N, C-alpha and C. Protein backbone atom coordinates (compact mmCIF):
# COMPACT_ATOMS: atom_id res chain seq x y z
N MET A 1 34.15 56.16 197.06
CA MET A 1 34.39 57.22 195.93
C MET A 1 34.81 56.63 194.22
N ARG A 2 34.37 56.87 193.44
CA ARG A 2 34.38 56.52 192.30
C ARG A 2 36.18 56.25 191.83
N SER A 3 36.39 55.47 191.00
CA SER A 3 37.98 55.65 190.25
C SER A 3 37.98 56.77 189.68
N GLY A 4 37.27 57.27 188.78
CA GLY A 4 37.88 58.90 188.13
C GLY A 4 37.65 59.78 188.93
N SER A 5 37.16 59.06 190.35
CA SER A 5 37.50 60.97 191.50
C SER A 5 38.47 60.72 191.82
N ILE A 6 38.48 59.19 191.93
CA ILE A 6 40.18 59.09 193.10
C ILE A 6 41.59 59.94 192.27
N ARG A 7 40.97 58.93 190.97
CA ARG A 7 42.10 59.56 189.98
C ARG A 7 42.36 61.67 190.04
N ARG A 8 41.20 62.24 189.61
CA ARG A 8 40.96 63.67 189.69
C ARG A 8 41.65 64.16 190.96
N VAL A 9 41.36 63.61 192.51
CA VAL A 9 42.04 63.73 193.94
C VAL A 9 43.23 63.74 193.56
N TRP A 10 43.16 62.87 192.94
CA TRP A 10 45.44 62.60 193.47
C TRP A 10 45.66 63.28 192.32
N ASN A 11 45.79 63.38 190.74
CA ASN A 11 46.25 64.08 190.46
C ASN A 11 46.33 65.86 191.08
N SER A 12 45.22 66.09 191.64
CA SER A 12 45.26 67.30 192.04
C SER A 12 47.01 67.84 193.19
N VAL A 13 46.58 66.09 194.12
CA VAL A 13 47.79 65.69 194.81
C VAL A 13 48.74 65.90 194.39
N THR A 14 49.28 65.46 193.09
CA THR A 14 50.42 65.13 192.53
C THR A 14 51.02 66.75 191.78
N THR A 15 50.02 67.04 191.35
CA THR A 15 50.32 68.27 190.52
C THR A 15 50.58 69.39 191.65
N MET A 16 50.07 69.37 192.84
CA MET A 16 50.59 70.69 194.25
C MET A 16 52.07 70.00 194.17
N ALA A 17 52.52 69.30 194.46
CA ALA A 17 53.56 68.75 195.52
C ALA A 17 54.46 68.70 194.29
N ALA A 18 54.06 68.78 192.44
CA ALA A 18 55.56 69.02 191.46
C ALA A 18 55.55 70.57 191.70
N TRP A 19 53.94 71.32 191.46
CA TRP A 19 54.70 72.87 192.01
C TRP A 19 55.11 73.08 192.85
N THR A 20 55.31 72.47 193.91
CA THR A 20 56.14 73.07 195.52
C THR A 20 57.34 72.70 194.56
N SER A 21 57.21 71.81 193.77
CA SER A 21 58.93 71.35 193.29
C SER A 21 59.07 72.10 192.81
N GLY A 22 58.94 72.62 192.17
CA GLY A 22 58.85 73.97 191.14
C GLY A 22 59.26 75.50 191.71
N ILE A 23 58.72 75.61 192.17
CA ILE A 23 58.75 76.52 193.64
C ILE A 23 60.04 76.58 194.07
N GLY A 24 60.40 75.30 194.21
CA GLY A 24 61.85 75.15 195.11
C GLY A 24 62.77 75.37 194.40
N ILE A 25 62.49 74.71 193.36
CA ILE A 25 63.48 75.17 192.18
C ILE A 25 63.90 76.67 192.23
N ALA A 26 63.27 77.11 191.96
CA ALA A 26 63.13 78.22 191.76
C ALA A 26 63.79 79.18 192.78
N LEU A 27 63.19 78.91 193.97
CA LEU A 27 64.20 79.39 195.53
C LEU A 27 65.38 79.01 195.41
N LEU A 28 65.48 78.00 194.69
CA LEU A 28 66.65 77.38 195.31
C LEU A 28 67.77 78.12 193.70
N MET A 29 67.90 78.64 192.86
CA MET A 29 68.44 78.89 191.32
C MET A 29 68.76 80.36 192.06
N LEU A 30 67.99 81.36 192.70
CA LEU A 30 67.99 82.56 193.13
C LEU A 30 69.38 83.07 193.84
N PRO A 31 69.52 81.75 195.55
CA PRO A 31 70.90 81.70 196.25
C PRO A 31 72.05 81.40 194.77
N THR A 32 72.17 80.65 194.16
CA THR A 32 72.61 80.30 193.59
C THR A 32 73.67 81.38 192.18
N VAL A 33 72.17 81.80 191.87
CA VAL A 33 72.50 83.02 190.77
C VAL A 33 73.43 84.49 191.59
N ALA A 34 73.01 84.42 192.54
CA ALA A 34 73.87 85.59 193.77
C ALA A 34 75.10 85.00 193.84
N ASP A 35 75.15 83.84 194.37
CA ASP A 35 76.35 83.28 194.14
C ASP A 35 77.83 83.25 193.26
N VAL A 36 76.78 82.72 192.19
CA VAL A 36 77.99 83.51 190.90
C VAL A 36 78.31 84.35 190.42
N THR A 37 77.95 85.28 190.76
CA THR A 37 77.84 86.65 190.55
C THR A 37 78.53 87.10 191.87
N TYR A 38 78.37 86.53 192.59
CA TYR A 38 79.36 87.52 193.73
C TYR A 38 80.55 87.08 193.33
N ARG A 39 80.77 85.64 193.28
CA ARG A 39 81.85 85.09 193.23
C ARG A 39 83.18 85.83 191.78
N LYS A 40 82.12 86.19 190.63
CA LYS A 40 82.82 86.06 189.01
C LYS A 40 83.11 87.83 189.73
N VAL A 41 82.45 88.42 190.36
CA VAL A 41 82.68 90.21 190.70
C VAL A 41 83.73 90.36 191.99
N ILE A 42 83.68 89.98 192.96
CA ILE A 42 84.44 89.54 194.54
C ILE A 42 85.11 88.67 194.56
N GLY A 43 85.20 88.28 194.37
CA GLY A 43 86.32 86.65 194.62
C GLY A 43 85.42 85.11 195.01
N PRO A 44 85.58 85.17 196.23
CA PRO A 44 85.06 84.13 196.97
C PRO A 44 83.68 83.72 197.12
N SER A 45 83.22 82.46 197.16
CA SER A 45 82.07 82.14 196.59
C SER A 45 81.17 82.61 197.95
N LEU A 46 79.71 82.24 198.08
CA LEU A 46 79.12 82.97 199.50
C LEU A 46 79.27 81.94 200.36
N ALA A 47 79.24 81.75 201.46
CA ALA A 47 79.24 80.66 202.81
C ALA A 47 77.60 79.58 202.44
N GLY A 48 78.37 78.86 202.43
CA GLY A 48 76.91 77.99 202.81
C GLY A 48 75.86 77.12 201.46
N MET A 49 76.52 78.11 200.35
CA MET A 49 75.74 77.67 198.90
C MET A 49 75.64 75.92 198.60
N VAL A 50 76.77 75.59 199.02
CA VAL A 50 76.68 74.19 198.31
C VAL A 50 76.14 73.19 199.32
N GLU A 51 75.98 73.86 200.78
CA GLU A 51 74.87 73.04 202.19
C GLU A 51 73.14 73.34 201.64
N VAL A 52 72.94 74.42 201.25
CA VAL A 52 72.19 74.67 201.18
C VAL A 52 71.37 74.08 199.79
N SER A 53 72.53 73.72 198.63
CA SER A 53 72.38 73.24 197.32
C SER A 53 72.04 71.87 197.76
N GLU A 54 72.49 70.83 198.24
CA GLU A 54 72.69 69.31 198.61
C GLU A 54 71.40 69.19 198.82
N VAL A 55 70.83 70.07 200.24
CA VAL A 55 69.78 69.72 200.59
C VAL A 55 68.19 69.85 199.79
N GLY A 56 68.39 71.50 199.38
CA GLY A 56 67.40 71.74 198.23
C GLY A 56 67.15 70.66 197.23
N VAL A 57 67.87 70.35 196.66
CA VAL A 57 67.84 69.31 195.41
C VAL A 57 67.23 68.12 195.68
N VAL A 58 67.93 67.68 196.76
CA VAL A 58 66.92 66.42 197.36
C VAL A 58 65.25 66.77 197.49
N ILE A 59 65.11 67.50 198.23
CA ILE A 59 63.46 68.12 198.37
C ILE A 59 62.64 68.06 197.14
N VAL A 60 63.34 69.30 196.26
CA VAL A 60 62.41 69.29 194.95
C VAL A 60 62.69 67.75 194.35
N ALA A 61 63.56 67.17 193.82
CA ALA A 61 63.53 65.30 193.14
C ALA A 61 62.46 64.92 193.65
N PHE A 62 62.26 64.67 195.27
CA PHE A 62 61.56 63.47 195.52
C PHE A 62 60.02 64.59 195.53
N LEU A 63 59.75 65.39 195.86
CA LEU A 63 58.57 66.12 195.55
C LEU A 63 57.79 65.54 194.14
N ALA A 64 58.53 66.04 193.17
CA ALA A 64 58.52 65.68 191.87
C ALA A 64 58.08 64.18 191.27
N MET A 65 58.73 63.08 192.19
CA MET A 65 58.75 62.01 191.24
C MET A 65 57.16 61.40 191.34
N ALA A 66 56.53 61.62 191.75
CA ALA A 66 54.84 61.02 191.38
C ALA A 66 54.68 61.32 190.30
N ALA A 67 54.72 63.09 189.89
CA ALA A 67 53.48 63.58 188.92
C ALA A 67 53.82 63.48 187.69
N ALA A 68 55.38 62.92 187.40
CA ALA A 68 56.63 62.30 186.59
C ALA A 68 56.27 61.03 186.44
N LEU A 69 55.55 60.74 187.20
CA LEU A 69 54.87 59.05 186.57
C LEU A 69 53.80 58.76 186.59
N ARG A 70 52.95 59.64 187.03
CA ARG A 70 51.51 60.08 185.99
C ARG A 70 51.60 60.44 184.57
N ARG A 71 52.69 61.55 184.32
CA ARG A 71 52.51 61.99 183.24
C ARG A 71 53.77 60.59 182.41
N GLY A 72 54.52 60.08 182.88
CA GLY A 72 55.02 59.10 181.85
C GLY A 72 56.14 59.53 181.54
N ALA A 73 56.66 60.42 182.29
CA ALA A 73 58.32 61.50 182.10
C ALA A 73 59.30 60.13 182.29
N HIS A 74 58.66 59.24 182.67
CA HIS A 74 60.22 58.30 183.55
C HIS A 74 60.61 57.28 182.12
N VAL A 75 61.85 56.98 182.15
CA VAL A 75 62.21 56.26 180.80
C VAL A 75 61.32 54.94 180.70
N GLY A 76 61.28 54.85 179.55
CA GLY A 76 59.96 53.34 179.18
C GLY A 76 61.32 52.80 178.18
N THR A 77 61.39 51.69 177.73
CA THR A 77 62.06 50.83 176.76
C THR A 77 60.67 49.39 176.94
N PRO A 78 60.14 49.88 175.70
CA PRO A 78 59.06 48.93 174.69
C PRO A 78 60.00 48.08 174.03
N ILE A 79 61.11 48.39 174.06
CA ILE A 79 61.47 47.33 172.69
C ILE A 79 61.14 45.62 172.51
N PHE A 80 61.44 45.55 174.05
CA PHE A 80 60.42 44.00 174.48
C PHE A 80 58.60 43.59 174.47
N THR A 81 57.89 44.75 175.03
CA THR A 81 56.37 44.59 174.93
C THR A 81 56.20 44.84 173.69
N SER A 82 56.41 45.50 172.80
CA SER A 82 56.22 46.35 171.82
C SER A 82 55.83 44.77 171.05
N GLN A 83 57.22 43.85 170.96
CA GLN A 83 56.94 42.75 169.92
C GLN A 83 55.93 41.40 170.73
N LEU A 84 55.52 41.64 171.52
CA LEU A 84 54.40 40.65 171.79
C LEU A 84 52.89 41.30 171.95
N ASN A 85 52.20 39.94 171.71
CA ASN A 85 50.55 40.23 171.67
C ASN A 85 50.08 41.41 172.99
N PRO A 86 48.99 42.17 173.00
CA PRO A 86 48.39 43.35 173.41
C PRO A 86 48.59 43.17 174.94
N THR A 87 47.55 41.77 174.94
CA THR A 87 47.34 40.90 176.23
C THR A 87 48.18 40.60 177.05
N LEU A 88 49.18 39.35 176.71
CA LEU A 88 50.74 39.64 177.09
C LEU A 88 51.57 40.81 177.75
N ALA A 89 51.40 41.78 176.86
CA ALA A 89 52.45 42.62 177.05
C ALA A 89 51.77 43.50 178.44
N GLU A 90 50.68 43.64 178.27
CA GLU A 90 49.76 44.52 179.43
C GLU A 90 50.03 43.86 180.83
N ARG A 91 49.83 42.51 180.83
CA ARG A 91 50.62 41.42 181.87
C ARG A 91 51.71 41.34 182.32
N LEU A 92 52.83 41.57 181.37
CA LEU A 92 54.00 42.21 181.84
C LEU A 92 54.42 43.50 182.79
N ARG A 93 53.02 44.35 182.22
CA ARG A 93 53.95 45.45 181.71
C ARG A 93 52.81 45.20 183.89
N ILE A 94 52.12 44.91 184.08
CA ILE A 94 51.39 45.23 185.52
C ILE A 94 52.23 43.85 186.41
N LEU A 95 52.70 43.15 185.64
CA LEU A 95 54.19 42.43 186.67
C LEU A 95 55.20 43.56 187.45
N GLY A 96 55.85 43.04 186.18
CA GLY A 96 56.04 44.52 186.21
C GLY A 96 56.63 45.88 187.38
N CYS A 97 55.19 46.40 187.29
CA CYS A 97 54.82 47.50 187.96
C CYS A 97 54.26 46.84 189.56
N LEU A 98 54.36 45.51 190.19
CA LEU A 98 54.09 44.86 190.94
C LEU A 98 55.38 44.53 192.16
N VAL A 99 56.57 44.29 190.98
CA VAL A 99 58.11 44.47 191.32
C VAL A 99 58.19 45.77 192.10
N ILE A 100 58.59 46.15 190.59
CA ILE A 100 58.41 48.11 191.51
C ILE A 100 57.56 48.70 192.63
N TRP A 101 56.42 48.01 192.94
CA TRP A 101 55.42 48.69 194.06
C TRP A 101 56.43 48.20 195.33
N ILE A 102 56.91 47.09 194.96
CA ILE A 102 57.63 46.18 196.47
C ILE A 102 58.87 46.53 196.51
N ALA A 103 59.19 47.31 195.52
CA ALA A 103 60.73 47.53 196.08
C ALA A 103 60.59 49.32 196.60
N LEU A 104 59.66 50.03 196.19
CA LEU A 104 59.39 51.35 196.81
C LEU A 104 58.75 51.31 197.46
N ALA A 105 57.79 50.63 198.08
CA ALA A 105 57.32 49.80 199.47
C ALA A 105 58.43 49.96 200.39
N LEU A 106 59.54 48.69 200.03
CA LEU A 106 60.96 48.41 200.97
C LEU A 106 61.88 49.99 201.26
N MET A 107 61.71 50.66 200.26
CA MET A 107 62.49 52.02 200.30
C MET A 107 61.92 53.36 200.98
N VAL A 108 60.35 52.95 201.00
CA VAL A 108 59.80 53.91 202.21
C VAL A 108 59.70 53.78 203.47
N TRP A 109 60.08 52.34 203.86
CA TRP A 109 60.10 51.79 204.96
C TRP A 109 61.45 52.35 205.58
N GLY A 110 62.56 52.01 204.72
CA GLY A 110 64.30 51.83 204.87
C GLY A 110 64.04 53.93 205.08
N SER A 111 63.87 54.62 204.02
CA SER A 111 63.98 55.65 204.37
C SER A 111 63.26 56.57 205.69
N TRP A 112 61.47 55.93 205.61
CA TRP A 112 61.26 56.59 206.86
C TRP A 112 61.93 56.72 208.15
N GLN A 113 62.72 54.78 208.54
CA GLN A 113 63.58 54.49 209.81
C GLN A 113 64.55 55.99 209.40
N ILE A 114 65.19 56.03 208.79
CA ILE A 114 65.99 56.88 208.64
C ILE A 114 65.58 58.24 208.93
N ALA A 115 64.81 58.70 208.40
CA ALA A 115 64.30 60.29 207.98
C ALA A 115 64.00 60.47 209.97
N VAL A 116 63.27 59.33 210.58
CA VAL A 116 62.58 59.43 211.62
C VAL A 116 64.26 59.88 212.95
N GLU A 117 64.99 59.05 212.65
CA GLU A 117 66.22 59.28 213.30
C GLU A 117 66.68 60.47 213.31
N SER A 118 66.63 60.88 211.84
CA SER A 118 67.65 62.17 211.74
C SER A 118 66.68 63.00 212.43
N PHE A 119 65.37 63.43 212.46
CA PHE A 119 64.70 64.34 212.82
C PHE A 119 64.70 63.97 214.28
N GLN A 120 64.79 63.13 214.86
CA GLN A 120 65.17 63.10 216.64
C GLN A 120 66.41 63.56 216.68
N VAL A 121 67.28 63.15 216.24
CA VAL A 121 68.37 64.47 217.05
C VAL A 121 69.03 65.75 216.13
N ARG A 122 67.66 65.94 214.72
CA ARG A 122 67.98 67.37 214.70
C ARG A 122 69.27 67.37 214.07
N GLU A 123 69.79 66.43 213.04
CA GLU A 123 70.79 66.23 211.93
C GLU A 123 71.24 67.31 211.40
N PHE A 124 72.15 67.60 210.95
CA PHE A 124 72.81 68.91 210.48
C PHE A 124 74.06 68.41 209.73
N ARG A 125 74.33 69.01 208.50
CA ARG A 125 75.60 68.99 207.39
C ARG A 125 76.39 69.90 207.62
N PHE A 126 77.95 69.19 208.58
CA PHE A 126 78.49 70.87 208.99
C PHE A 126 79.56 70.92 207.48
N GLY A 127 79.77 72.39 207.39
CA GLY A 127 80.04 72.31 206.13
C GLY A 127 80.60 73.77 206.66
N LEU A 128 80.62 74.95 205.63
CA LEU A 128 80.79 76.16 206.18
C LEU A 128 80.28 76.96 207.35
N VAL A 129 78.96 75.81 207.00
CA VAL A 129 77.79 76.96 207.75
C VAL A 129 76.84 75.44 208.10
N GLN A 130 76.63 75.42 209.41
CA GLN A 130 75.89 73.87 209.69
C GLN A 130 74.21 74.12 208.76
N MET A 131 73.93 73.23 208.22
CA MET A 131 72.29 72.99 207.50
C MET A 131 71.76 71.79 208.21
N PRO A 132 70.51 72.23 208.10
CA PRO A 132 69.86 70.68 208.54
C PRO A 132 69.87 69.99 207.67
N ILE A 133 69.51 68.55 207.61
CA ILE A 133 69.84 68.05 206.58
C ILE A 133 68.73 66.63 207.09
N TRP A 134 67.90 67.02 208.11
CA TRP A 134 66.97 66.29 208.35
C TRP A 134 65.00 66.47 207.80
N PRO A 135 65.16 67.99 206.67
CA PRO A 135 64.24 68.34 205.91
C PRO A 135 64.27 67.35 205.03
N ALA A 136 65.80 67.09 204.18
CA ALA A 136 66.19 66.22 202.99
C ALA A 136 65.53 65.14 203.15
N LYS A 137 65.92 64.43 204.55
CA LYS A 137 65.89 62.96 204.82
C LYS A 137 64.01 63.05 205.09
N MET A 138 63.40 64.16 205.39
CA MET A 138 62.17 63.37 205.75
C MET A 138 61.30 63.90 203.99
N ALA A 139 61.97 64.29 203.27
CA ALA A 139 61.34 64.58 202.02
C ALA A 139 61.53 63.14 200.90
N VAL A 140 62.16 62.60 201.36
CA VAL A 140 62.49 61.18 200.40
C VAL A 140 61.63 59.93 201.15
N PRO A 141 60.88 59.88 202.27
CA PRO A 141 59.93 58.77 202.28
C PRO A 141 58.51 59.48 201.95
N VAL A 142 58.63 60.55 201.94
CA VAL A 142 57.25 61.55 201.75
C VAL A 142 57.46 61.68 200.15
N GLY A 143 58.18 61.76 199.37
CA GLY A 143 58.16 61.67 197.85
C GLY A 143 57.95 60.25 197.49
N LEU A 144 58.42 59.41 198.27
CA LEU A 144 58.32 58.12 197.95
C LEU A 144 57.04 57.08 197.75
N VAL A 145 56.70 57.79 199.10
CA VAL A 145 55.04 57.89 199.34
C VAL A 145 53.87 58.26 198.56
N LEU A 146 54.33 59.14 197.59
CA LEU A 146 54.12 60.10 197.18
C LEU A 146 53.60 59.01 195.58
N MET A 147 54.56 58.48 195.69
CA MET A 147 54.90 57.62 194.30
C MET A 147 54.51 56.20 194.45
N LEU A 148 54.62 55.62 195.40
CA LEU A 148 53.86 54.33 195.95
C LEU A 148 52.54 54.60 195.77
N ILE A 149 51.86 55.72 195.82
CA ILE A 149 50.15 55.69 195.84
C ILE A 149 49.57 55.95 194.36
N GLU A 150 50.60 56.85 193.39
CA GLU A 150 50.36 56.69 192.37
C GLU A 150 50.20 55.87 191.65
N LEU A 151 51.86 54.87 192.04
CA LEU A 151 51.80 53.58 191.17
C LEU A 151 50.63 52.69 191.38
N THR A 152 50.10 52.29 193.22
CA THR A 152 49.24 52.03 192.87
C THR A 152 47.66 52.33 192.39
N ILE A 153 47.35 53.53 191.90
CA ILE A 153 46.57 53.36 191.47
C ILE A 153 46.71 53.71 189.96
N GLN A 154 47.54 53.55 189.75
CA GLN A 154 48.06 52.76 187.91
C GLN A 154 48.14 51.45 187.78
N ILE A 155 48.24 50.81 188.85
CA ILE A 155 48.49 49.10 188.81
C ILE A 155 46.53 48.97 188.40
N TRP A 156 45.89 49.27 189.38
CA TRP A 156 44.66 49.11 189.85
C TRP A 156 43.97 49.57 188.34
N GLU A 157 44.41 50.64 187.51
CA GLU A 157 43.99 51.14 186.04
C GLU A 157 44.28 50.47 185.12
N ARG A 158 45.49 50.06 184.78
CA ARG A 158 46.17 48.57 184.19
C ARG A 158 45.13 47.69 184.64
N PHE A 159 44.69 47.35 185.60
CA PHE A 159 44.38 45.65 185.96
C PHE A 159 42.78 46.21 185.76
N THR A 160 42.45 46.75 185.81
CA THR A 160 40.96 47.24 185.34
C THR A 160 40.63 47.83 184.17
N GLY A 161 41.55 47.74 183.62
CA GLY A 161 41.44 48.91 182.08
C GLY A 161 40.74 49.54 181.97
N ALA A 162 41.04 50.65 183.27
CA ALA A 162 40.45 52.02 183.48
C ALA A 162 41.25 52.65 183.55
N ARG A 163 41.70 53.29 181.98
CA ARG A 163 42.53 54.25 181.44
C ARG A 163 42.47 55.50 181.45
N HIS A 164 42.93 56.67 181.55
CA HIS A 164 42.13 57.73 181.71
C HIS A 164 43.37 58.80 181.14
N GLY A 165 44.15 58.51 180.44
CA GLY A 165 45.26 58.98 179.59
C GLY A 165 46.39 59.58 180.75
N THR A 166 46.39 59.07 182.02
CA THR A 166 47.46 59.30 182.49
C THR A 166 48.37 58.57 182.54
N ILE A 167 48.44 57.56 182.16
CA ILE A 167 49.55 56.25 182.24
C ILE A 167 49.98 56.51 181.13
N SER A 168 51.43 55.75 181.18
CA SER A 168 52.21 55.94 180.06
C SER A 168 52.31 53.77 179.93
N HIS A 169 51.58 53.33 178.42
CA HIS A 169 50.97 52.06 178.20
C HIS A 169 52.53 51.64 177.43
N ASP A 170 54.02 52.22 177.93
CA ASP A 170 55.11 51.73 177.56
C ASP A 170 55.63 51.40 178.54
N ALA A 171 55.45 51.65 179.99
CA ALA A 171 56.33 51.15 180.70
C ALA A 171 56.84 50.38 181.55
């Protein structure tokens, strides 16, 4: 499979994860609006809304990270690299990406161990309602793996010069 084909397939994967995240945001929004409306009209908050929001936000945030990286939607500070010649600047970007790759790999490893343990004990958050938190803990390594794969592709594209308009050159 050629580099361009891998990129197209992977773009579909990250787009699907981003759409799933977007749908999750909409699904979180509905009970939140209901809770606020209920609170304004009747008084007390709906039971369990804090717990649902805490778990849901983690899931939607981590599922969207790879697509954000692909689009270059993260914060970039080219103030240093913009002053360098283009070849040196690109080499420093690759080095920076490799450092980030190592950090992400360590986060995947650590978060996966925590997620598996949480899943095995079926961990719950106790509040007004019992809310399972193991799905959120599973979403963390899944989102980080997606981001790690995206970063791997970007490093390869930077290293080979095979840019397809999907990476930020100022990262």
